[in-house]
Amino acid sequence: MTTAAKPRPAHGTSARGYGSPGRWPRCNCTPCRTARNRHQKHNRINRELGRSPFTSPDKAQAHLRLLHKTMSWDSLEAATGVWFSNLIAIYHGQRTKIRHETEAKILNVPNPSDGDPGQYIDCTGSTRRLQALSAQGHSYATLSTAADTSPNRIMSIANGRQPTIRRTLANRIAAAYAQLRTTPPEPDRHTKRTLNVARSKGWRDPQWWEDYGHIDDPAFDPDTADRELNFFELADLRRSEIEHLAWCGYSPKQIVGRLNSEVSISTVRQIVQEWRTGQKRERKQVAAA
């Protein structure tokens, strides 16, 4: 990261009065001398009263980590007025103490409701959206036009070669996904090739993600979700479906019809009764009865 040189502090500030080695010389104008003398008097009083000019960086570090979830380092440096190198050191716990002024500058920055456009964020959601549109038949050229970026960038993201991207690009990809996922792809010489690539790599289409959700969740594994359920997992799923349909007001007979008669009417009645009473019957008791 490259940062622009900071402008010289204004006259009448202690920073201008003391100067900065290698950046700007000490200023001896009347306002700067006054500011320097005031700062020295303030430090002398604090020493006599046993007040330290430093404090623990814990609060500043916690707030900085919260801010960095939605703000880039460029924006943080501009908002706090603290050098980038100092922010990095505080963020990674490399400071054992910081000045009260530095803490105040960091804590005074509110957390923006909308993410900073220039911040790099996790690419999982963008990658899955591009893969889903490719599985639908939309070519990289179409996707690059819709997301206002280059086909090479789209290819790199779709193939998982970029772990992070800027929030602005992620927002454009999300908008392109919302626009194209319900739009049939325009047939061209790239459509068949795109479908073949997506099929060979096992990419899921938008309907699959609509059914399963979690498109932005890096911890969600599509391969695990796709595996065939065992007997007990399938039974739990069926019970959840029956309870949900009963909550919606369906009768046991209607529920059997909704489940294509995959579950017997007696089983449905039993599950509905257990759901209504809140008491689950033991299998041995059912068999003995």
C-alpha atoms as a PDB file:
ATOM      1  CA  MET A   1       0.000   0.000   0.000  1.00  0.00           C
ATOM      2  CA  THR A   2       1.258   3.474  -0.895  1.00  0.00           C
ATOM      3  CA  THR A   3       0.009   6.520   0.948  1.00  0.00           C
ATOM      4  CA  ALA A   4       0.282  10.177   0.001  1.00  0.00           C
ATOM      5  CA  ALA A   5       2.515  12.428   2.102  1.00  0.00           C
ATOM      6  CA  LYS A   6       0.657  14.080   4.964  1.00  0.00           C
ATOM      7  CA  PRO A   7       0.215  17.844   4.701  1.00  0.00           C
ATOM      8  CA  ARG A   8       2.200  19.965   7.140  1.00  0.00           C
ATOM      9  CA  PRO A   9       0.222  20.780  10.351  1.00  0.00           C
ATOM     10  CA  ALA A  10      -1.275  24.234  10.665  1.00  0.00           C
ATOM     11  CA  HIS A  11       0.475  27.034  12.550  1.00  0.00           C
ATOM     12  CA  GLY A  12      -0.530  27.219  16.198  1.00  0.00           C
ATOM     13  CA  THR A  13      -0.406  23.438  16.723  1.00  0.00           C
ATOM     14  CA  SER A  14       2.139  21.598  18.830  1.00  0.00           C
ATOM     15  CA  ALA A  15       2.919  19.294  15.904  1.00  0.00           C
ATOM     16  CA  ARG A  16       4.001  22.268  13.791  1.00  0.00           C
ATOM     17  CA  GLY A  17       5.765  23.832  16.758  1.00  0.00           C
ATOM     18  CA  TYR A  18       7.887  20.752  17.494  1.00  0.00           C
ATOM     19  CA  GLY A  19       8.444  19.821  13.860  1.00  0.00           C
ATOM     20  CA  SER A  20       9.017  16.302  12.567  1.00  0.00           C
ATOM     21  CA  PRO A  21      12.497  14.884  11.859  1.00  0.00           C
ATOM     22  CA  GLY A  22      12.916  14.294   8.146  1.00  0.00           C
ATOM     23  CA  ARG A  23       9.541  15.829   7.278  1.00  0.00           C
ATOM     24  CA  TRP A  24       9.356  19.457   8.342  1.00  0.00           C
ATOM     25  CA  PRO A  25      11.475  21.713  10.602  1.00  0.00           C
ATOM     26  CA  ARG A  26      10.552  23.149  13.991  1.00  0.00           C
ATOM     27  CA  CYS A  27       8.534  26.371  13.653  1.00  0.00           C
ATOM     28  CA  ASN A  28       9.299  29.339  15.886  1.00  0.00           C
ATOM     29  CA  CYS A  29       6.466  31.677  14.938  1.00  0.00           C
ATOM     30  CA  THR A  30       4.463  33.153  17.835  1.00  0.00           C
ATOM     31  CA  PRO A  31       1.393  30.827  17.534  1.00  0.00           C
ATOM     32  CA  CYS A  32       3.631  27.728  17.316  1.00  0.00           C
ATOM     33  CA  ARG A  33       5.785  28.810  20.275  1.00  0.00           C
ATOM     34  CA  THR A  34       2.610  29.361  22.301  1.00  0.00           C
ATOM     35  CA  ALA A  35       1.296  25.912  21.387  1.00  0.00           C
ATOM     36  CA  ARG A  36       4.647  24.308  22.219  1.00  0.00           C
ATOM     37  CA  ASN A  37       4.847  26.041  25.608  1.00  0.00           C
ATOM     38  CA  ARG A  38       1.265  25.070  26.407  1.00  0.00           C
ATOM     39  CA  HIS A  39       1.997  21.424  25.562  1.00  0.00           C
ATOM     40  CA  GLN A  40       5.135  21.404  27.736  1.00  0.00           C
ATOM     41  CA  LYS A  41       3.213  22.942  30.662  1.00  0.00           C
ATOM     42  CA  HIS A  42       0.462  20.380  30.268  1.00  0.00           C
ATOM     43  CA  ASN A  43       3.004  17.530  30.314  1.00  0.00           C
ATOM     44  CA  ARG A  44       4.717  18.992  33.404  1.00  0.00           C
ATOM     45  CA  ILE A  45       1.429  19.185  35.308  1.00  0.00           C
ATOM     46  CA  ASN A  46       0.551  15.597  34.335  1.00  0.00           C
ATOM     47  CA  ARG A  47       3.937  14.377  35.559  1.00  0.00           C
ATOM     48  CA  GLU A  48       3.517  16.146  38.892  1.00  0.00           C
ATOM     49  CA  LEU A  49       0.048  14.618  39.298  1.00  0.00           C
ATOM     50  CA  GLY A  50       1.258  11.159  38.296  1.00  0.00           C
ATOM     51  CA  ARG A  51      -0.813  11.038  35.117  1.00  0.00           C
ATOM     52  CA  SER A  52       0.634   8.989  32.278  1.00  0.00           C
ATOM     53  CA  PRO A  53       0.370  10.317  28.716  1.00  0.00           C
ATOM     54  CA  PHE A  54      -0.104   6.716  27.603  1.00  0.00           C
ATOM     55  CA  THR A  55      -2.940   4.215  27.924  1.00  0.00           C
ATOM     56  CA  SER A  56      -3.640   0.582  27.050  1.00  0.00           C
ATOM     57  CA  PRO A  57      -4.313  -0.007  23.327  1.00  0.00           C
ATOM     58  CA  ASP A  58      -7.037  -2.608  24.012  1.00  0.00           C
ATOM     59  CA  LYS A  59     -10.055  -0.341  23.410  1.00  0.00           C
ATOM     60  CA  ALA A  60      -8.509   1.221  20.317  1.00  0.00           C
ATOM     61  CA  GLN A  61      -7.518  -2.190  18.954  1.00  0.00           C
ATOM     62  CA  ALA A  62     -11.028  -3.620  19.446  1.00  0.00           C
ATOM     63  CA  HIS A  63     -12.652  -0.607  17.758  1.00  0.00           C
ATOM     64  CA  LEU A  64     -10.097  -0.654  14.950  1.00  0.00           C
ATOM     65  CA  ARG A  65     -10.848  -4.299  14.216  1.00  0.00           C
ATOM     66  CA  LEU A  66     -14.562  -3.491  14.140  1.00  0.00           C
ATOM     67  CA  LEU A  67     -13.989  -0.578  11.771  1.00  0.00           C
ATOM     68  CA  HIS A  68     -11.761  -2.620   9.471  1.00  0.00           C
ATOM     69  CA  LYS A  69     -14.650  -4.999   8.775  1.00  0.00           C
ATOM     70  CA  THR A  70     -16.268  -2.251   6.714  1.00  0.00           C
ATOM     71  CA  MET A  71     -13.458   0.251   6.061  1.00  0.00           C
ATOM     72  CA  SER A  72     -10.232   0.057   4.080  1.00  0.00           C
ATOM     73  CA  TRP A  73      -6.881   1.159   5.520  1.00  0.00           C
ATOM     74  CA  ASP A  74      -6.878   4.228   3.267  1.00  0.00           C
ATOM     75  CA  SER A  75     -10.243   5.300   4.688  1.00  0.00           C
ATOM     76  CA  LEU A  76      -9.157   4.541   8.251  1.00  0.00           C
ATOM     77  CA  GLU A  77      -6.004   6.611   7.905  1.00  0.00           C
ATOM     78  CA  ALA A  78      -7.987   9.541   6.514  1.00  0.00           C
ATOM     79  CA  ALA A  79     -10.732   9.259   9.164  1.00  0.00           C
ATOM     80  CA  THR A  80      -8.432   8.944  12.182  1.00  0.00           C
ATOM     81  CA  GLY A  81      -5.524  11.127  11.143  1.00  0.00           C
ATOM     82  CA  VAL A  82      -3.201   8.377  12.428  1.00  0.00           C
ATOM     83  CA  TRP A  83      -0.335   7.100  10.294  1.00  0.00           C
ATOM     84  CA  PHE A  84      -1.026   3.824   8.460  1.00  0.00           C
ATOM     85  CA  SER A  85       1.981   2.118  10.040  1.00  0.00           C
ATOM     86  CA  ASN A  86       0.737   3.020  13.527  1.00  0.00           C
ATOM     87  CA  LEU A  87      -2.772   1.724  12.754  1.00  0.00           C
ATOM     88  CA  ILE A  88      -1.329  -1.573  11.532  1.00  0.00           C
ATOM     89  CA  ALA A  89       0.793  -1.937  14.654  1.00  0.00           C
ATOM     90  CA  ILE A  90      -2.197  -1.297  16.942  1.00  0.00           C
ATOM     91  CA  TYR A  91      -4.416  -3.630  14.917  1.00  0.00           C
ATOM     92  CA  HIS A  92      -1.950  -6.536  15.189  1.00  0.00           C
ATOM     93  CA  GLY A  93      -1.228  -5.947  18.885  1.00  0.00           C
ATOM     94  CA  GLN A  94       2.332  -4.698  18.361  1.00  0.00           C
ATOM     95  CA  ARG A  95       1.818  -1.705  20.682  1.00  0.00           C
ATOM     96  CA  THR A  96       1.865  -2.147  24.461  1.00  0.00           C
ATOM     97  CA  LYS A  97       0.747   1.445  24.998  1.00  0.00           C
ATOM     98  CA  ILE A  98      -0.542   4.341  22.916  1.00  0.00           C
ATOM     99  CA  ARG A  99      -1.154   8.021  23.587  1.00  0.00           C
ATOM    100  CA  HIS A 100      -4.544   9.184  24.826  1.00  0.00           C
ATOM    101  CA  GLU A 101      -4.854  11.371  21.729  1.00  0.00           C
ATOM    102  CA  THR A 102      -4.340   8.382  19.429  1.00  0.00           C
ATOM    103  CA  GLU A 103      -6.971   6.374  21.292  1.00  0.00           C
ATOM    104  CA  ALA A 104      -9.440   9.255  21.067  1.00  0.00           C
ATOM    105  CA  LYS A 105      -8.863   9.665  17.318  1.00  0.00           C
ATOM    106  CA  ILE A 106      -9.644   5.975  16.718  1.00  0.00           C
ATOM    107  CA  LEU A 107     -12.615   5.733  19.099  1.00  0.00           C
ATOM    108  CA  ASN A 108     -14.195   8.882  17.623  1.00  0.00           C
ATOM    109  CA  VAL A 109     -14.599   7.225  14.199  1.00  0.00           C
ATOM    110  CA  PRO A 110     -18.142   5.786  13.906  1.00  0.00           C
ATOM    111  CA  ASN A 111     -18.698   2.422  12.256  1.00  0.00           C
ATOM    112  CA  PRO A 112     -20.261   3.148   8.826  1.00  0.00           C
ATOM    113  CA  SER A 113     -23.614   1.487   8.139  1.00  0.00           C
ATOM    114  CA  ASP A 114     -22.589   0.779   4.549  1.00  0.00           C
ATOM    115  CA  GLY A 115     -19.289  -0.905   3.828  1.00  0.00           C
ATOM    116  CA  ASP A 116     -16.410   1.110   2.463  1.00  0.00           C
ATOM    117  CA  PRO A 117     -16.405   0.618  -1.339  1.00  0.00           C
ATOM    118  CA  GLY A 118     -12.636   0.217  -1.518  1.00  0.00           C
ATOM    119  CA  GLN A 119     -12.356  -2.434   1.183  1.00  0.00           C
ATOM    120  CA  TYR A 120     -11.249  -5.956   0.248  1.00  0.00           C
ATOM    121  CA  ILE A 121     -13.790  -8.573   1.377  1.00  0.00           C
ATOM    122  CA  ASP A 122     -14.134 -12.355   1.161  1.00  0.00           C
ATOM    123  CA  CYS A 123     -14.792 -13.522  -2.400  1.00  0.00           C
ATOM    124  CA  THR A 124     -16.877 -16.629  -1.616  1.00  0.00           C
ATOM    125  CA  GLY A 125     -20.272 -15.136  -2.478  1.00  0.00           C
ATOM    126  CA  SER A 126     -19.024 -13.519  -5.686  1.00  0.00           C
ATOM    127  CA  THR A 127     -17.324 -16.742  -6.816  1.00  0.00           C
ATOM    128  CA  ARG A 128     -20.471 -18.805  -6.239  1.00  0.00           C
ATOM    129  CA  ARG A 129     -22.685 -16.285  -8.022  1.00  0.00           C
ATOM    130  CA  LEU A 130     -20.478 -16.287 -11.111  1.00  0.00           C
ATOM    131  CA  GLN A 131     -20.289 -20.091 -11.057  1.00  0.00           C
ATOM    132  CA  ALA A 132     -24.082 -20.320 -10.782  1.00  0.00           C
ATOM    133  CA  LEU A 133     -24.619 -17.992 -13.750  1.00  0.00           C
ATOM    134  CA  SER A 134     -22.041 -19.963 -15.749  1.00  0.00           C
ATOM    135  CA  ALA A 135     -23.902 -23.196 -14.914  1.00  0.00           C
ATOM    136  CA  GLN A 136     -26.979 -21.492 -16.327  1.00  0.00           C
ATOM    137  CA  GLY A 137     -25.156 -20.832 -19.590  1.00  0.00           C
ATOM    138  CA  HIS A 138     -24.151 -17.164 -19.296  1.00  0.00           C
ATOM    139  CA  SER A 139     -20.735 -16.631 -20.867  1.00  0.00           C
ATOM    140  CA  TYR A 140     -17.840 -14.786 -19.243  1.00  0.00           C
ATOM    141  CA  ALA A 141     -18.320 -11.999 -21.792  1.00  0.00           C
ATOM    142  CA  THR A 142     -21.941 -11.537 -20.718  1.00  0.00           C
ATOM    143  CA  LEU A 143     -20.979 -11.604 -17.048  1.00  0.00           C
ATOM    144  CA  SER A 144     -18.151  -9.112 -17.519  1.00  0.00           C
ATOM    145  CA  THR A 145     -20.510  -6.691 -19.272  1.00  0.00           C
ATOM    146  CA  ALA A 146     -23.156  -7.031 -16.547  1.00  0.00           C
ATOM    147  CA  ALA A 147     -20.582  -6.578 -13.742  1.00  0.00           C
ATOM    148  CA  ASP A 148     -18.674  -3.830 -15.575  1.00  0.00           C
ATOM    149  CA  THR A 149     -15.293  -5.546 -15.371  1.00  0.00           C
ATOM    150  CA  SER A 150     -12.980  -7.524 -17.647  1.00  0.00           C
ATOM    151  CA  PRO A 151     -13.609 -11.146 -18.772  1.00  0.00           C
ATOM    152  CA  ASN A 152     -10.213 -12.130 -17.330  1.00  0.00           C
ATOM    153  CA  ARG A 153     -11.239 -10.815 -13.914  1.00  0.00           C
ATOM    154  CA  ILE A 154     -14.543 -12.721 -14.135  1.00  0.00           C
ATOM    155  CA  MET A 155     -12.667 -15.902 -15.078  1.00  0.00           C
ATOM    156  CA  SER A 156     -10.217 -15.475 -12.212  1.00  0.00           C
ATOM    157  CA  ILE A 157     -12.985 -14.960  -9.632  1.00  0.00           C
ATOM    158  CA  ALA A 158     -15.215 -17.750 -10.959  1.00  0.00           C
ATOM    159  CA  ASN A 159     -12.350 -20.243 -10.804  1.00  0.00           C
ATOM    160  CA  GLY A 160     -11.533 -19.317  -7.216  1.00  0.00           C
ATOM    161  CA  ARG A 161      -8.153 -17.745  -7.893  1.00  0.00           C
ATOM    162  CA  GLN A 162      -8.967 -14.564  -5.921  1.00  0.00           C
ATOM    163  CA  PRO A 163      -9.620 -14.959  -2.184  1.00  0.00           C
ATOM    164  CA  THR A 164     -10.695 -11.302  -1.808  1.00  0.00           C
ATOM    165  CA  ILE A 165     -12.070  -8.530  -4.021  1.00  0.00           C
ATOM    166  CA  ARG A 166     -13.082  -4.921  -3.465  1.00  0.00           C
ATOM    167  CA  ARG A 167     -16.581  -4.368  -2.125  1.00  0.00           C
ATOM    168  CA  THR A 168     -17.539  -2.276  -5.154  1.00  0.00           C
ATOM    169  CA  LEU A 169     -16.873  -5.191  -7.515  1.00  0.00           C
ATOM    170  CA  ALA A 170     -18.667  -7.640  -5.195  1.00  0.00           C
ATOM    171  CA  ASN A 171     -21.710  -5.352  -5.232  1.00  0.00           C
ATOM    172  CA  ARG A 172     -21.667  -5.192  -9.043  1.00  0.00           C
ATOM    173  CA  ILE A 173     -21.435  -8.995  -9.269  1.00  0.00           C
ATOM    174  CA  ALA A 174     -24.358  -9.347  -6.837  1.00  0.00           C
ATOM    175  CA  ALA A 175     -26.399  -6.928  -8.970  1.00  0.00           C
ATOM    176  CA  ALA A 176     -25.517  -8.859 -12.127  1.00  0.00           C
ATOM    177  CA  TYR A 177     -26.564 -12.095 -10.414  1.00  0.00           C
ATOM    178  CA  ALA A 178     -29.922 -10.631  -9.396  1.00  0.00           C
ATOM    179  CA  GLN A 179     -30.469  -9.473 -12.965  1.00  0.00           C
ATOM    180  CA  LEU A 180     -29.336 -12.581 -14.876  1.00  0.00           C
ATOM    181  CA  ARG A 181     -30.377 -15.498 -12.657  1.00  0.00           C
ATOM    182  CA  THR A 182     -33.965 -15.251 -13.943  1.00  0.00           C
ATOM    183  CA  THR A 183     -32.912 -14.410 -17.505  1.00  0.00           C
ATOM    184  CA  PRO A 184     -32.283 -17.199 -20.046  1.00  0.00           C
ATOM    185  CA  PRO A 185     -28.788 -16.941 -21.565  1.00  0.00           C
ATOM    186  CA  GLU A 186     -28.486 -15.646 -25.106  1.00  0.00           C
ATOM    187  CA  PRO A 187     -27.367 -18.550 -27.327  1.00  0.00           C
ATOM    188  CA  ASP A 188     -23.958 -17.909 -28.866  1.00  0.00           C
ATOM    189  CA  ARG A 189     -20.751 -19.815 -29.600  1.00  0.00           C
ATOM    190  CA  HIS A 190     -19.678 -19.502 -25.956  1.00  0.00           C
ATOM    191  CA  THR A 191     -22.862 -20.827 -24.314  1.00  0.00           C
ATOM    192  CA  LYS A 192     -22.228 -24.537 -24.895  1.00  0.00           C
ATOM    193  CA  ARG A 193     -18.598 -24.225 -23.843  1.00  0.00           C
ATOM    194  CA  THR A 194     -19.576 -22.385 -20.654  1.00  0.00           C
ATOM    195  CA  LEU A 195     -22.124 -25.078 -19.777  1.00  0.00           C
ATOM    196  CA  ASN A 196     -19.577 -27.859 -20.392  1.00  0.00           C
ATOM    197  CA  VAL A 197     -16.981 -26.174 -18.165  1.00  0.00           C
ATOM    198  CA  ALA A 198     -19.518 -25.601 -15.377  1.00  0.00           C
ATOM    199  CA  ARG A 199     -20.759 -29.205 -15.607  1.00  0.00           C
ATOM    200  CA  SER A 200     -17.242 -30.647 -15.539  1.00  0.00           C
ATOM    201  CA  LYS A 201     -16.403 -28.622 -12.402  1.00  0.00           C
ATOM    202  CA  GLY A 202     -19.674 -29.389 -10.635  1.00  0.00           C
ATOM    203  CA  TRP A 203     -20.839 -25.788 -10.345  1.00  0.00           C
ATOM    204  CA  ARG A 204     -24.372 -25.353  -8.970  1.00  0.00           C
ATOM    205  CA  ASP A 205     -26.978 -23.257 -10.793  1.00  0.00           C
ATOM    206  CA  PRO A 206     -29.018 -20.404  -9.238  1.00  0.00           C
ATOM    207  CA  GLN A 207     -31.968 -22.714  -8.479  1.00  0.00           C
ATOM    208  CA  TRP A 208     -29.708 -24.982  -6.399  1.00  0.00           C
ATOM    209  CA  TRP A 209     -28.525 -22.018  -4.332  1.00  0.00           C
ATOM    210  CA  GLU A 210     -32.117 -20.798  -4.055  1.00  0.00           C
ATOM    211  CA  ASP A 211     -33.039 -24.138  -2.479  1.00  0.00           C
ATOM    212  CA  TYR A 212     -30.066 -24.469  -0.131  1.00  0.00           C
ATOM    213  CA  GLY A 213     -29.170 -20.838   0.606  1.00  0.00           C
ATOM    214  CA  HIS A 214     -25.853 -19.953   2.336  1.00  0.00           C
ATOM    215  CA  ILE A 215     -24.362 -18.598  -0.904  1.00  0.00           C
ATOM    216  CA  ASP A 216     -22.253 -16.072   1.058  1.00  0.00           C
ATOM    217  CA  ASP A 217     -21.248 -18.470   3.848  1.00  0.00           C
ATOM    218  CA  PRO A 218     -17.636 -19.702   3.468  1.00  0.00           C
ATOM    219  CA  ALA A 219     -18.294 -22.412   6.083  1.00  0.00           C
ATOM    220  CA  PHE A 220     -21.085 -23.962   4.000  1.00  0.00           C
ATOM    221  CA  ASP A 221     -19.860 -26.923   1.914  1.00  0.00           C
ATOM    222  CA  PRO A 222     -22.010 -27.610  -1.177  1.00  0.00           C
ATOM    223  CA  ASP A 223     -20.474 -31.075  -1.589  1.00  0.00           C
ATOM    224  CA  THR A 224     -21.672 -32.099   1.873  1.00  0.00           C
ATOM    225  CA  ALA A 225     -25.141 -30.703   1.182  1.00  0.00           C
ATOM    226  CA  ASP A 226     -25.327 -32.695  -2.058  1.00  0.00           C
ATOM    227  CA  ARG A 227     -24.553 -36.069  -0.516  1.00  0.00           C
ATOM    228  CA  GLU A 228     -27.343 -38.621  -0.121  1.00  0.00           C
ATOM    229  CA  LEU A 229     -28.985 -38.527   3.320  1.00  0.00           C
ATOM    230  CA  ASN A 230     -28.869 -41.638   5.480  1.00  0.00           C
ATOM    231  CA  PHE A 231     -31.986 -43.200   7.012  1.00  0.00           C
ATOM    232  CA  PHE A 232     -31.933 -41.144  10.221  1.00  0.00           C
ATOM    233  CA  GLU A 233     -31.181 -37.820   8.473  1.00  0.00           C
ATOM    234  CA  LEU A 234     -34.002 -38.470   5.998  1.00  0.00           C
ATOM    235  CA  ALA A 235     -36.372 -39.303   8.873  1.00  0.00           C
ATOM    236  CA  ASP A 236     -35.491 -36.034  10.656  1.00  0.00           C
ATOM    237  CA  LEU A 237     -36.056 -34.093   7.426  1.00  0.00           C
ATOM    238  CA  ARG A 238     -39.446 -35.730   6.872  1.00  0.00           C
ATOM    239  CA  ARG A 239     -40.476 -35.009  10.477  1.00  0.00           C
ATOM    240  CA  SER A 240     -39.542 -31.335  10.050  1.00  0.00           C
ATOM    241  CA  GLU A 241     -41.565 -31.135   6.821  1.00  0.00           C
ATOM    242  CA  ILE A 242     -44.611 -32.772   8.438  1.00  0.00           C
ATOM    243  CA  GLU A 243     -44.451 -30.478  11.474  1.00  0.00           C
ATOM    244  CA  HIS A 244     -44.136 -27.426   9.234  1.00  0.00           C
ATOM    245  CA  LEU A 245     -47.142 -28.477   7.113  1.00  0.00           C
ATOM    246  CA  ALA A 246     -49.162 -29.179  10.273  1.00  0.00           C
ATOM    247  CA  TRP A 247     -48.247 -25.702  11.562  1.00  0.00           C
ATOM    248  CA  CYS A 248     -49.522 -24.284   8.249  1.00  0.00           C
ATOM    249  CA  GLY A 249     -52.910 -25.959   8.888  1.00  0.00           C
ATOM    250  CA  TYR A 250     -52.732 -29.028   6.641  1.00  0.00           C
ATOM    251  CA  SER A 251     -54.553 -32.163   7.754  1.00  0.00           C
ATOM    252  CA  PRO A 252     -52.677 -35.521   7.933  1.00  0.00           C
ATOM    253  CA  LYS A 253     -54.356 -36.627   4.695  1.00  0.00           C
ATOM    254  CA  GLN A 254     -53.319 -33.423   2.908  1.00  0.00           C
ATOM    255  CA  ILE A 255     -49.762 -33.789   4.245  1.00  0.00           C
ATOM    256  CA  VAL A 256     -49.500 -37.304   2.783  1.00  0.00           C
ATOM    257  CA  GLY A 257     -50.565 -35.885  -0.573  1.00  0.00           C
ATOM    258  CA  ARG A 258     -48.014 -33.063  -0.344  1.00  0.00           C
ATOM    259  CA  LEU A 259     -45.272 -35.629   0.338  1.00  0.00           C
ATOM    260  CA  ASN A 260     -46.352 -37.775  -2.642  1.00  0.00           C
ATOM    261  CA  SER A 261     -47.363 -40.644  -0.326  1.00  0.00           C
ATOM    262  CA  GLU A 262     -43.711 -41.226   0.656  1.00  0.00           C
ATOM    263  CA  VAL A 263     -44.853 -41.467   4.305  1.00  0.00           C
ATOM    264  CA  SER A 264     -47.782 -43.544   5.561  1.00  0.00           C
ATOM    265  CA  ILE A 265     -50.892 -41.861   6.963  1.00  0.00           C
ATOM    266  CA  SER A 266     -50.353 -43.549  10.349  1.00  0.00           C
ATOM    267  CA  THR A 267     -46.824 -42.142  10.628  1.00  0.00           C
ATOM    268  CA  VAL A 268     -48.059 -38.672   9.707  1.00  0.00           C
ATOM    269  CA  ARG A 269     -50.834 -38.829  12.276  1.00  0.00           C
ATOM    270  CA  GLN A 270     -48.388 -39.927  14.972  1.00  0.00           C
ATOM    271  CA  ILE A 271     -45.920 -37.107  14.198  1.00  0.00           C
ATOM    272  CA  VAL A 272     -48.722 -34.519  14.103  1.00  0.00           C
ATOM    273  CA  GLN A 273     -50.034 -35.761  17.453  1.00  0.00           C
ATOM    274  CA  GLU A 274     -46.556 -35.565  18.990  1.00  0.00           C
ATOM    275  CA  TRP A 275     -46.106 -32.052  17.586  1.00  0.00           C
ATOM    276  CA  ARG A 276     -49.440 -30.885  19.030  1.00  0.00           C
ATOM    277  CA  THR A 277     -48.921 -32.394  22.486  1.00  0.00           C
ATOM    278  CA  GLY A 278     -45.194 -31.771  22.696  1.00  0.00           C
ATOM    279  CA  GLN A 279     -44.646 -35.341  23.895  1.00  0.00           C
ATOM    280  CA  LYS A 280     -42.700 -37.755  21.739  1.00  0.00           C
ATOM    281  CA  ARG A 281     -43.726 -41.394  22.129  1.00  0.00           C
ATOM    282  CA  GLU A 282     -41.066 -44.066  22.509  1.00  0.00           C
ATOM    283  CA  ARG A 283     -40.864 -46.674  19.754  1.00  0.00           C
ATOM    284  CA  LYS A 284     -41.082 -49.545  22.263  1.00  0.00           C
ATOM    285  CA  GLN A 285     -44.300 -48.121  23.725  1.00  0.00           C
ATOM    286  CA  VAL A 286     -45.803 -47.769  20.247  1.00  0.00           C
ATOM    287  CA  ALA A 287     -44.882 -51.383  19.400  1.00  0.00           C
ATOM    288  CA  ALA A 288     -46.327 -52.688  22.703  1.00  0.00           C
ATOM    289  CA  ALA A 289     -49.562 -50.813  22.110  1.00  0.00           C
END
